[in-house]
Amino acid sequence: KNTVYLQMNSLKPEDTAVYYCRAVTLYTYWGQGTQVT
């Protein structure tokens, strides 16, 4: 499915950030980001 997951447990305030997905073929591609607070 060309899908990647990230299970995030025991979250801390310092984990607050915009999280970006990245995929690499012959090139590198980035997603738009999703906010985690």
PDB file of all heavy atoms in Angstrom:
ATOM      1  N   LYS A   1       0.804  -1.215   0.000  1.00  0.00           N
ATOM      2  CA  LYS A   1       0.000   0.000   0.000  1.00  0.00           C
ATOM      3  C   LYS A   1       0.840   1.270   0.000  1.00  0.00           C
ATOM      4  O   LYS A   1       0.288   2.373  -0.032  1.00  0.00           O
ATOM      5  CB  LYS A   1      -0.931   0.018   1.213  1.00  0.00           C
ATOM      6  CG  LYS A   1      -1.956  -1.104   1.232  1.00  0.00           C
ATOM      7  CD  LYS A   1      -2.838  -1.001   2.468  1.00  0.00           C
ATOM      8  CE  LYS A   1      -3.878  -2.096   2.489  1.00  0.00           C
ATOM      9  NZ  LYS A   1      -4.746  -2.012   3.696  1.00  0.00           N
ATOM     10  N   ASN A   2       2.160   1.110   0.037  1.00  0.00           N
ATOM     11  CA  ASN A   2       3.061   2.263   0.144  1.00  0.00           C
ATOM     12  C   ASN A   2       2.629   3.186   1.280  1.00  0.00           C
ATOM     13  O   ASN A   2       2.545   4.407   1.122  1.00  0.00           O
ATOM     14  CB  ASN A   2       3.131   3.032  -1.175  1.00  0.00           C
ATOM     15  CG  ASN A   2       3.974   2.328  -2.216  1.00  0.00           C
ATOM     16  OD1 ASN A   2       4.897   1.575  -1.886  1.00  0.00           O
ATOM     17  ND2 ASN A   2       3.673   2.562  -3.481  1.00  0.00           N
ATOM     18  N   THR A   3       2.364   2.586   2.409  1.00  0.00           N
ATOM     19  CA  THR A   3       1.891   3.312   3.577  1.00  0.00           C
ATOM     20  C   THR A   3       2.817   3.062   4.761  1.00  0.00           C
ATOM     21  O   THR A   3       3.251   1.930   4.985  1.00  0.00           O
ATOM     22  CB  THR A   3       0.458   2.895   3.946  1.00  0.00           C
ATOM     23  OG1 THR A   3      -0.410   3.171   2.844  1.00  0.00           O
ATOM     24  CG2 THR A   3      -0.036   3.650   5.163  1.00  0.00           C
ATOM     25  N   VAL A   4       3.110   4.121   5.495  1.00  0.00           N
ATOM     26  CA  VAL A   4       3.947   4.022   6.679  1.00  0.00           C
ATOM     27  C   VAL A   4       3.164   4.537   7.880  1.00  0.00           C
ATOM     28  O   VAL A   4       2.341   5.458   7.753  1.00  0.00           O
ATOM     29  CB  VAL A   4       5.274   4.792   6.503  1.00  0.00           C
ATOM     30  CG1 VAL A   4       5.022   6.287   6.338  1.00  0.00           C
ATOM     31  CG2 VAL A   4       6.220   4.526   7.658  1.00  0.00           C
ATOM     32  N   TYR A   5       3.415   3.943   9.046  1.00  0.00           N
ATOM     33  CA  TYR A   5       2.716   4.297  10.267  1.00  0.00           C
ATOM     34  C   TYR A   5       3.719   4.647  11.355  1.00  0.00           C
ATOM     35  O   TYR A   5       4.853   4.167  11.358  1.00  0.00           O
ATOM     36  CB  TYR A   5       1.843   3.138  10.758  1.00  0.00           C
ATOM     37  CG  TYR A   5       0.905   2.588   9.713  1.00  0.00           C
ATOM     38  CD1 TYR A   5       1.287   1.524   8.899  1.00  0.00           C
ATOM     39  CD2 TYR A   5      -0.365   3.138   9.536  1.00  0.00           C
ATOM     40  CE1 TYR A   5       0.426   1.022   7.935  1.00  0.00           C
ATOM     41  CE2 TYR A   5      -1.228   2.638   8.575  1.00  0.00           C
ATOM     42  CZ  TYR A   5      -0.829   1.585   7.778  1.00  0.00           C
ATOM     43  OH  TYR A   5      -1.686   1.089   6.822  1.00  0.00           O
ATOM     44  N   LEU A   6       3.283   5.455  12.284  1.00  0.00           N
ATOM     45  CA  LEU A   6       4.095   5.768  13.455  1.00  0.00           C
ATOM     46  C   LEU A   6       3.204   5.697  14.686  1.00  0.00           C
ATOM     47  O   LEU A   6       2.332   6.550  14.873  1.00  0.00           O
ATOM     48  CB  LEU A   6       4.733   7.153  13.349  1.00  0.00           C
ATOM     49  CG  LEU A   6       5.693   7.518  14.480  1.00  0.00           C
ATOM     50  CD1 LEU A   6       6.942   6.638  14.426  1.00  0.00           C
ATOM     51  CD2 LEU A   6       6.080   8.991  14.409  1.00  0.00           C
ATOM     52  N   GLN A   7       3.413   4.669  15.502  1.00  0.00           N
ATOM     53  CA  GLN A   7       2.709   4.540  16.769  1.00  0.00           C
ATOM     54  C   GLN A   7       3.498   5.296  17.824  1.00  0.00           C
ATOM     55  O   GLN A   7       4.665   4.985  18.069  1.00  0.00           O
ATOM     56  CB  GLN A   7       2.568   3.070  17.160  1.00  0.00           C
ATOM     57  CG  GLN A   7       1.849   2.844  18.484  1.00  0.00           C
ATOM     58  CD  GLN A   7       0.405   3.269  18.444  1.00  0.00           C
ATOM     59  OE1 GLN A   7      -0.311   2.936  17.506  1.00  0.00           O
ATOM     60  NE2 GLN A   7      -0.028   4.013  19.456  1.00  0.00           N
ATOM     61  N   MET A   8       2.865   6.280  18.440  1.00  0.00           N
ATOM     62  CA  MET A   8       3.518   7.162  19.391  1.00  0.00           C
ATOM     63  C   MET A   8       2.888   6.958  20.770  1.00  0.00           C
ATOM     64  O   MET A   8       1.729   7.300  20.979  1.00  0.00           O
ATOM     65  CB  MET A   8       3.377   8.618  18.954  1.00  0.00           C
ATOM     66  CG  MET A   8       3.794   8.858  17.503  1.00  0.00           C
ATOM     67  SD  MET A   8       3.236  10.461  16.848  1.00  0.00           S
ATOM     68  CE  MET A   8       4.213  11.575  17.840  1.00  0.00           C
ATOM     69  N   ASN A   9       3.662   6.406  21.691  1.00  0.00           N
ATOM     70  CA  ASN A   9       3.192   6.151  23.047  1.00  0.00           C
ATOM     71  C   ASN A   9       3.979   6.988  24.048  1.00  0.00           C
ATOM     72  O   ASN A   9       5.055   7.492  23.746  1.00  0.00           O
ATOM     73  CB  ASN A   9       3.338   4.668  23.400  1.00  0.00           C
ATOM     74  CG  ASN A   9       2.523   3.758  22.513  1.00  0.00           C
ATOM     75  OD1 ASN A   9       1.433   4.107  22.075  1.00  0.00           O
ATOM     76  ND2 ASN A   9       3.049   2.558  22.256  1.00  0.00           N
ATOM     77  N   SER A  10       3.431   7.108  25.248  1.00  0.00           N
ATOM     78  CA  SER A  10       4.083   7.855  26.326  1.00  0.00           C
ATOM     79  C   SER A  10       4.536   9.231  25.860  1.00  0.00           C
ATOM     80  O   SER A  10       5.671   9.651  26.093  1.00  0.00           O
ATOM     81  CB  SER A  10       5.271   7.058  26.875  1.00  0.00           C
ATOM     82  OG  SER A  10       4.864   5.795  27.360  1.00  0.00           O
ATOM     83  N   LEU A  11       3.636   9.933  25.210  1.00  0.00           N
ATOM     84  CA  LEU A  11       3.987  11.222  24.615  1.00  0.00           C
ATOM     85  C   LEU A  11       4.335  12.253  25.673  1.00  0.00           C
ATOM     86  O   LEU A  11       3.746  12.290  26.749  1.00  0.00           O
ATOM     87  CB  LEU A  11       2.844  11.718  23.741  1.00  0.00           C
ATOM     88  CG  LEU A  11       2.738  11.007  22.389  1.00  0.00           C
ATOM     89  CD1 LEU A  11       1.363  11.208  21.774  1.00  0.00           C
ATOM     90  CD2 LEU A  11       3.827  11.524  21.443  1.00  0.00           C
ATOM     91  N   LYS A  12       5.306  13.091  25.333  1.00  0.00           N
ATOM     92  CA  LYS A  12       5.799  14.147  26.202  1.00  0.00           C
ATOM     93  C   LYS A  12       5.576  15.506  25.547  1.00  0.00           C
ATOM     94  O   LYS A  12       5.491  15.598  24.326  1.00  0.00           O
ATOM     95  CB  LYS A  12       7.299  13.957  26.466  1.00  0.00           C
ATOM     96  CG  LYS A  12       7.676  12.608  27.053  1.00  0.00           C
ATOM     97  CD  LYS A  12       9.187  12.467  27.161  1.00  0.00           C
ATOM     98  CE  LYS A  12       9.583  11.124  27.739  1.00  0.00           C
ATOM     99  NZ  LYS A  12      11.068  10.979  27.821  1.00  0.00           N
ATOM    100  N   PRO A  13       5.510  16.574  26.340  1.00  0.00           N
ATOM    101  CA  PRO A  13       5.348  17.903  25.746  1.00  0.00           C
ATOM    102  C   PRO A  13       6.424  18.231  24.707  1.00  0.00           C
ATOM    103  O   PRO A  13       6.122  18.919  23.725  1.00  0.00           O
ATOM    104  CB  PRO A  13       5.442  18.840  26.951  1.00  0.00           C
ATOM    105  CG  PRO A  13       4.917  18.020  28.083  1.00  0.00           C
ATOM    106  CD  PRO A  13       5.425  16.628  27.812  1.00  0.00           C
ATOM    107  N   GLU A  14       7.642  17.745  24.895  1.00  0.00           N
ATOM    108  CA  GLU A  14       8.708  18.012  23.945  1.00  0.00           C
ATOM    109  C   GLU A  14       8.530  17.290  22.617  1.00  0.00           C
ATOM    110  O   GLU A  14       9.287  17.535  21.666  1.00  0.00           O
ATOM    111  CB  GLU A  14      10.084  17.681  24.540  1.00  0.00           C
ATOM    112  CG  GLU A  14      10.178  16.288  25.135  1.00  0.00           C
ATOM    113  CD  GLU A  14       9.973  16.279  26.639  1.00  0.00           C
ATOM    114  OE1 GLU A  14       9.047  16.972  27.125  1.00  0.00           O
ATOM    115  OE2 GLU A  14      10.742  15.587  27.341  1.00  0.00           O
ATOM    116  N   ASP A  15       7.545  16.393  22.510  1.00  0.00           N
ATOM    117  CA  ASP A  15       7.213  15.768  21.240  1.00  0.00           C
ATOM    118  C   ASP A  15       6.353  16.676  20.366  1.00  0.00           C
ATOM    119  O   ASP A  15       6.097  16.345  19.200  1.00  0.00           O
ATOM    120  CB  ASP A  15       6.471  14.445  21.455  1.00  0.00           C
ATOM    121  CG  ASP A  15       7.335  13.392  22.124  1.00  0.00           C
ATOM    122  OD1 ASP A  15       8.514  13.258  21.754  1.00  0.00           O
ATOM    123  OD2 ASP A  15       6.818  12.684  23.020  1.00  0.00           O
ATOM    124  N   THR A  16       5.891  17.781  20.913  1.00  0.00           N
ATOM    125  CA  THR A  16       5.069  18.715  20.157  1.00  0.00           C
ATOM    126  C   THR A  16       5.837  19.245  18.953  1.00  0.00           C
ATOM    127  O   THR A  16       6.927  19.800  19.091  1.00  0.00           O
ATOM    128  CB  THR A  16       4.619  19.880  21.044  1.00  0.00           C
ATOM    129  OG1 THR A  16       3.770  19.393  22.091  1.00  0.00           O
ATOM    130  CG2 THR A  16       3.846  20.910  20.233  1.00  0.00           C
ATOM    131  N   ALA A  17       5.271  19.072  17.762  1.00  0.00           N
ATOM    132  CA  ALA A  17       5.930  19.472  16.524  1.00  0.00           C
ATOM    133  C   ALA A  17       4.996  19.197  15.357  1.00  0.00           C
ATOM    134  O   ALA A  17       3.959  18.557  15.510  1.00  0.00           O
ATOM    135  CB  ALA A  17       7.240  18.695  16.332  1.00  0.00           C
ATOM    136  N   VAL A  18       5.391  19.681  14.189  1.00  0.00           N
ATOM    137  CA  VAL A  18       4.762  19.259  12.951  1.00  0.00           C
ATOM    138  C   VAL A  18       5.523  18.046  12.449  1.00  0.00           C
ATOM    139  O   VAL A  18       6.749  18.090  12.307  1.00  0.00           O
ATOM    140  CB  VAL A  18       4.765  20.368  11.887  1.00  0.00           C
ATOM    141  CG1 VAL A  18       4.148  19.862  10.583  1.00  0.00           C
ATOM    142  CG2 VAL A  18       3.995  21.584  12.390  1.00  0.00           C
ATOM    143  N   TYR A  19       4.808  16.971  12.195  1.00  0.00           N
ATOM    144  CA  TYR A  19       5.417  15.722  11.755  1.00  0.00           C
ATOM    145  C   TYR A  19       5.233  15.570  10.250  1.00  0.00           C
ATOM    146  O   TYR A  19       4.123  15.697   9.733  1.00  0.00           O
ATOM    147  CB  TYR A  19       4.799  14.531  12.491  1.00  0.00           C
ATOM    148  CG  TYR A  19       5.288  14.409  13.911  1.00  0.00           C
ATOM    149  CD1 TYR A  19       4.915  15.335  14.877  1.00  0.00           C
ATOM    150  CD2 TYR A  19       6.144  13.373  14.284  1.00  0.00           C
ATOM    151  CE1 TYR A  19       5.383  15.243  16.178  1.00  0.00           C
ATOM    152  CE2 TYR A  19       6.611  13.264  15.582  1.00  0.00           C
ATOM    153  CZ  TYR A  19       6.229  14.205  16.523  1.00  0.00           C
ATOM    154  OH  TYR A  19       6.699  14.100  17.816  1.00  0.00           O
ATOM    155  N   TYR A  20       6.335  15.275   9.549  1.00  0.00           N
ATOM    156  CA  TYR A  20       6.342  15.171   8.100  1.00  0.00           C
ATOM    157  C   TYR A  20       6.692  13.759   7.657  1.00  0.00           C
ATOM    158  O   TYR A  20       7.656  13.169   8.144  1.00  0.00           O
ATOM    159  CB  TYR A  20       7.370  16.126   7.488  1.00  0.00           C
ATOM    160  CG  TYR A  20       7.090  17.586   7.746  1.00  0.00           C
ATOM    161  CD1 TYR A  20       7.614  18.225   8.863  1.00  0.00           C
ATOM    162  CD2 TYR A  20       6.309  18.323   6.865  1.00  0.00           C
ATOM    163  CE1 TYR A  20       7.359  19.562   9.098  1.00  0.00           C
ATOM    164  CE2 TYR A  20       6.057  19.662   7.094  1.00  0.00           C
ATOM    165  CZ  TYR A  20       6.583  20.275   8.209  1.00  0.00           C
ATOM    166  OH  TYR A  20       6.341  21.605   8.436  1.00  0.00           O
ATOM    167  N   CYS A  21       5.925  13.251   6.728  1.00  0.00           N
ATOM    168  CA  CYS A  21       6.204  11.968   6.112  1.00  0.00           C
ATOM    169  C   CYS A  21       7.211  12.151   4.980  1.00  0.00           C
ATOM    170  O   CYS A  21       7.159  13.146   4.252  1.00  0.00           O
ATOM    171  CB  CYS A  21       4.905  11.364   5.574  1.00  0.00           C
ATOM    172  SG  CYS A  21       5.092   9.765   4.746  1.00  0.00           S
ATOM    173  N   ARG A  22       8.119  11.197   4.831  1.00  0.00           N
ATOM    174  CA  ARG A  22       9.094  11.229   3.751  1.00  0.00           C
ATOM    175  C   ARG A  22       9.155   9.882   3.047  1.00  0.00           C
ATOM    176  O   ARG A  22       9.117   8.835   3.688  1.00  0.00           O
ATOM    177  CB  ARG A  22      10.493  11.583   4.275  1.00  0.00           C
ATOM    178  CG  ARG A  22      11.502  11.825   3.168  1.00  0.00           C
ATOM    179  CD  ARG A  22      12.888  12.089   3.708  1.00  0.00           C
ATOM    180  NE  ARG A  22      13.557  10.855   4.102  1.00  0.00           N
ATOM    181  CZ  ARG A  22      14.865  10.651   4.049  1.00  0.00           C
ATOM    182  NH1 ARG A  22      15.663  11.638   3.629  1.00  0.00           N
ATOM    183  NH2 ARG A  22      15.387   9.511   4.440  1.00  0.00           N
ATOM    184  N   ALA A  23       9.244   9.905   1.718  1.00  0.00           N
ATOM    185  CA  ALA A  23       9.404   8.697   0.917  1.00  0.00           C
ATOM    186  C   ALA A  23      10.541   8.906  -0.067  1.00  0.00           C
ATOM    187  O   ALA A  23      10.675   9.982  -0.652  1.00  0.00           O
ATOM    188  CB  ALA A  23       8.119   8.355   0.178  1.00  0.00           C
ATOM    189  N   VAL A  24      11.360   7.874  -0.247  1.00  0.00           N
ATOM    190  CA  VAL A  24      12.534   7.965  -1.108  1.00  0.00           C
ATOM    191  C   VAL A  24      12.454   6.943  -2.226  1.00  0.00           C
ATOM    192  O   VAL A  24      12.310   5.738  -1.977  1.00  0.00           O
ATOM    193  CB  VAL A  24      13.829   7.751  -0.309  1.00  0.00           C
ATOM    194  CG1 VAL A  24      15.036   7.841  -1.234  1.00  0.00           C
ATOM    195  CG2 VAL A  24      13.943   8.768   0.814  1.00  0.00           C
ATOM    196  N   THR A  25      12.543   7.418  -3.463  1.00  0.00           N
ATOM    197  CA  THR A  25      12.708   6.559  -4.631  1.00  0.00           C
ATOM    198  C   THR A  25      14.051   6.955  -5.243  1.00  0.00           C
ATOM    199  O   THR A  25      15.075   6.862  -4.569  1.00  0.00           O
ATOM    200  CB  THR A  25      11.555   6.753  -5.635  1.00  0.00           C
ATOM    201  OG1 THR A  25      11.529   8.117  -6.087  1.00  0.00           O
ATOM    202  CG2 THR A  25      10.219   6.434  -4.985  1.00  0.00           C
ATOM    203  N   LEU A  26      14.067   7.380  -6.502  1.00  0.00           N
ATOM    204  CA  LEU A  26      15.238   8.052  -7.047  1.00  0.00           C
ATOM    205  C   LEU A  26      15.280   9.497  -6.554  1.00  0.00           C
ATOM    206  O   LEU A  26      16.299  10.172  -6.682  1.00  0.00           O
ATOM    207  CB  LEU A  26      15.227   8.024  -8.570  1.00  0.00           C
ATOM    208  CG  LEU A  26      15.397   6.653  -9.228  1.00  0.00           C
ATOM    209  CD1 LEU A  26      15.331   6.783 -10.741  1.00  0.00           C
ATOM    210  CD2 LEU A  26      16.704   6.006  -8.811  1.00  0.00           C
ATOM    211  N   TYR A  27      14.182   9.959  -6.003  1.00  0.00           N
ATOM    212  CA  TYR A  27      14.047  11.301  -5.467  1.00  0.00           C
ATOM    213  C   TYR A  27      13.472  11.215  -4.059  1.00  0.00           C
ATOM    214  O   TYR A  27      13.050  10.157  -3.601  1.00  0.00           O
ATOM    215  CB  TYR A  27      13.133  12.156  -6.352  1.00  0.00           C
ATOM    216  CG  TYR A  27      13.547  12.182  -7.799  1.00  0.00           C
ATOM    217  CD1 TYR A  27      12.977  11.310  -8.718  1.00  0.00           C
ATOM    218  CD2 TYR A  27      14.510  13.076  -8.255  1.00  0.00           C
ATOM    219  CE1 TYR A  27      13.354  11.328 -10.049  1.00  0.00           C
ATOM    220  CE2 TYR A  27      14.894  13.099  -9.579  1.00  0.00           C
ATOM    221  CZ  TYR A  27      14.314  12.227 -10.472  1.00  0.00           C
ATOM    222  OH  TYR A  27      14.691  12.246 -11.791  1.00  0.00           O
ATOM    223  N   THR A  28      13.442  12.359  -3.383  1.00  0.00           N
ATOM    224  CA  THR A  28      12.877  12.443  -2.048  1.00  0.00           C
ATOM    225  C   THR A  28      11.608  13.281  -2.084  1.00  0.00           C
ATOM    226  O   THR A  28      11.598  14.371  -2.655  1.00  0.00           O
ATOM    227  CB  THR A  28      13.878  13.063  -1.063  1.00  0.00           C
ATOM    228  OG1 THR A  28      15.044  12.235  -0.998  1.00  0.00           O
ATOM    229  CG2 THR A  28      13.263  13.165   0.331  1.00  0.00           C
ATOM    230  N   TYR A  29      10.549  12.786  -1.462  1.00  0.00           N
ATOM    231  CA  TYR A  29       9.262  13.464  -1.429  1.00  0.00           C
ATOM    232  C   TYR A  29       8.825  13.684   0.010  1.00  0.00           C
ATOM    233  O   TYR A  29       9.093  12.856   0.887  1.00  0.00           O
ATOM    234  CB  TYR A  29       8.202  12.639  -2.166  1.00  0.00           C
ATOM    235  CG  TYR A  29       8.528  12.394  -3.618  1.00  0.00           C
ATOM    236  CD1 TYR A  29       9.228  11.261  -4.009  1.00  0.00           C
ATOM    237  CD2 TYR A  29       8.154  13.305  -4.602  1.00  0.00           C
ATOM    238  CE1 TYR A  29       9.548  11.037  -5.338  1.00  0.00           C
ATOM    239  CE2 TYR A  29       8.467  13.088  -5.936  1.00  0.00           C
ATOM    240  CZ  TYR A  29       9.163  11.951  -6.294  1.00  0.00           C
ATOM    241  OH  TYR A  29       9.474  11.740  -7.623  1.00  0.00           O
ATOM    242  N   TRP A  30       8.145  14.801   0.229  1.00  0.00           N
ATOM    243  CA  TRP A  30       7.681  15.182   1.557  1.00  0.00           C
ATOM    244  C   TRP A  30       6.185  15.425   1.571  1.00  0.00           C
ATOM    245  O   TRP A  30       5.616  15.967   0.621  1.00  0.00           O
ATOM    246  CB  TRP A  30       8.387  16.455   2.028  1.00  0.00           C
ATOM    247  CG  TRP A  30       9.860  16.292   2.229  1.00  0.00           C
ATOM    248  CD1 TRP A  30      10.840  16.513   1.318  1.00  0.00           C
ATOM    249  CD2 TRP A  30      10.512  15.881   3.428  1.00  0.00           C
ATOM    250  NE1 TRP A  30      12.074  16.261   1.873  1.00  0.00           N
ATOM    251  CE2 TRP A  30      11.900  15.876   3.171  1.00  0.00           C
ATOM    252  CE3 TRP A  30      10.057  15.520   4.707  1.00  0.00           C
ATOM    253  CZ2 TRP A  30      12.842  15.522   4.143  1.00  0.00           C
ATOM    254  CZ3 TRP A  30      10.988  15.165   5.670  1.00  0.00           C
ATOM    255  CH2 TRP A  30      12.364  15.179   5.376  1.00  0.00           C
ATOM    256  N   GLY A  31       5.542  15.046   2.662  1.00  0.00           N
ATOM    257  CA  GLY A  31       4.149  15.376   2.860  1.00  0.00           C
ATOM    258  C   GLY A  31       3.998  16.799   3.367  1.00  0.00           C
ATOM    259  O   GLY A  31       4.975  17.507   3.608  1.00  0.00           O
ATOM    260  N   GLN A  32       2.753  17.233   3.537  1.00  0.00           N
ATOM    261  CA  GLN A  32       2.468  18.592   3.982  1.00  0.00           C
ATOM    262  C   GLN A  32       2.637  18.774   5.483  1.00  0.00           C
ATOM    263  O   GLN A  32       2.752  19.901   5.958  1.00  0.00           O
ATOM    264  CB  GLN A  32       1.054  18.995   3.575  1.00  0.00           C
ATOM    265  CG  GLN A  32       0.849  19.173   2.086  1.00  0.00           C
ATOM    266  CD  GLN A  32       1.670  20.311   1.533  1.00  0.00           C
ATOM    267  OE1 GLN A  32       2.623  20.096   0.792  1.00  0.00           O
ATOM    268  NE2 GLN A  32       1.322  21.532   1.892  1.00  0.00           N
ATOM    269  N   GLY A  33       2.647  17.689   6.222  1.00  0.00           N
ATOM    270  CA  GLY A  33       2.830  17.744   7.658  1.00  0.00           C
ATOM    271  C   GLY A  33       1.524  17.646   8.420  1.00  0.00           C
ATOM    272  O   GLY A  33       0.475  18.055   7.938  1.00  0.00           O
ATOM    273  N   THR A  34       1.599  17.104   9.628  1.00  0.00           N
ATOM    274  CA  THR A  34       0.459  17.028  10.516  1.00  0.00           C
ATOM    275  C   THR A  34       0.892  17.450  11.915  1.00  0.00           C
ATOM    276  O   THR A  34       1.950  17.051  12.396  1.00  0.00           O
ATOM    277  CB  THR A  34      -0.154  15.604  10.524  1.00  0.00           C
ATOM    278  OG1 THR A  34      -1.332  15.587  11.332  1.00  0.00           O
ATOM    279  CG2 THR A  34       0.832  14.566  11.052  1.00  0.00           C
ATOM    280  N   GLN A  35       0.082  18.284  12.553  1.00  0.00           N
ATOM    281  CA  GLN A  35       0.432  18.853  13.850  1.00  0.00           C
ATOM    282  C   GLN A  35       0.166  17.862  14.975  1.00  0.00           C
ATOM    283  O   GLN A  35      -0.924  17.290  15.065  1.00  0.00           O
ATOM    284  CB  GLN A  35      -0.363  20.136  14.104  1.00  0.00           C
ATOM    285  CG  GLN A  35      -0.110  20.773  15.468  1.00  0.00           C
ATOM    286  CD  GLN A  35       1.264  21.387  15.585  1.00  0.00           C
ATOM    287  OE1 GLN A  35       1.706  22.103  14.688  1.00  0.00           O
ATOM    288  NE2 GLN A  35       1.951  21.105  16.684  1.00  0.00           N
ATOM    289  N   VAL A  36       1.158  17.685  15.833  1.00  0.00           N
ATOM    290  CA  VAL A  36       1.011  16.908  17.061  1.00  0.00           C
ATOM    291  C   VAL A  36       1.290  17.838  18.232  1.00  0.00           C
ATOM    292  O   VAL A  36       2.363  18.433  18.309  1.00  0.00           O
ATOM    293  CB  VAL A  36       1.973  15.709  17.099  1.00  0.00           C
ATOM    294  CG1 VAL A  36       1.943  15.035  18.470  1.00  0.00           C
ATOM    295  CG2 VAL A  36       1.620  14.709  16.012  1.00  0.00           C
ATOM    296  N   THR A  37       0.323  17.969  19.121  1.00  0.00           N
ATOM    297  CA  THR A  37       0.473  18.830  20.292  1.00  0.00           C
ATOM    298  C   THR A  37       0.249  18.001  21.549  1.00  0.00           C
ATOM    299  O   THR A  37      -0.802  17.371  21.701  1.00  0.00           O
ATOM    300  CB  THR A  37      -0.517  20.000  20.259  1.00  0.00           C
ATOM    301  OG1 THR A  37      -0.318  20.766  19.067  1.00  0.00           O
ATOM    302  CG2 THR A  37      -0.321  20.901  21.470  1.00  0.00           C
TER     303      THR A  37
END
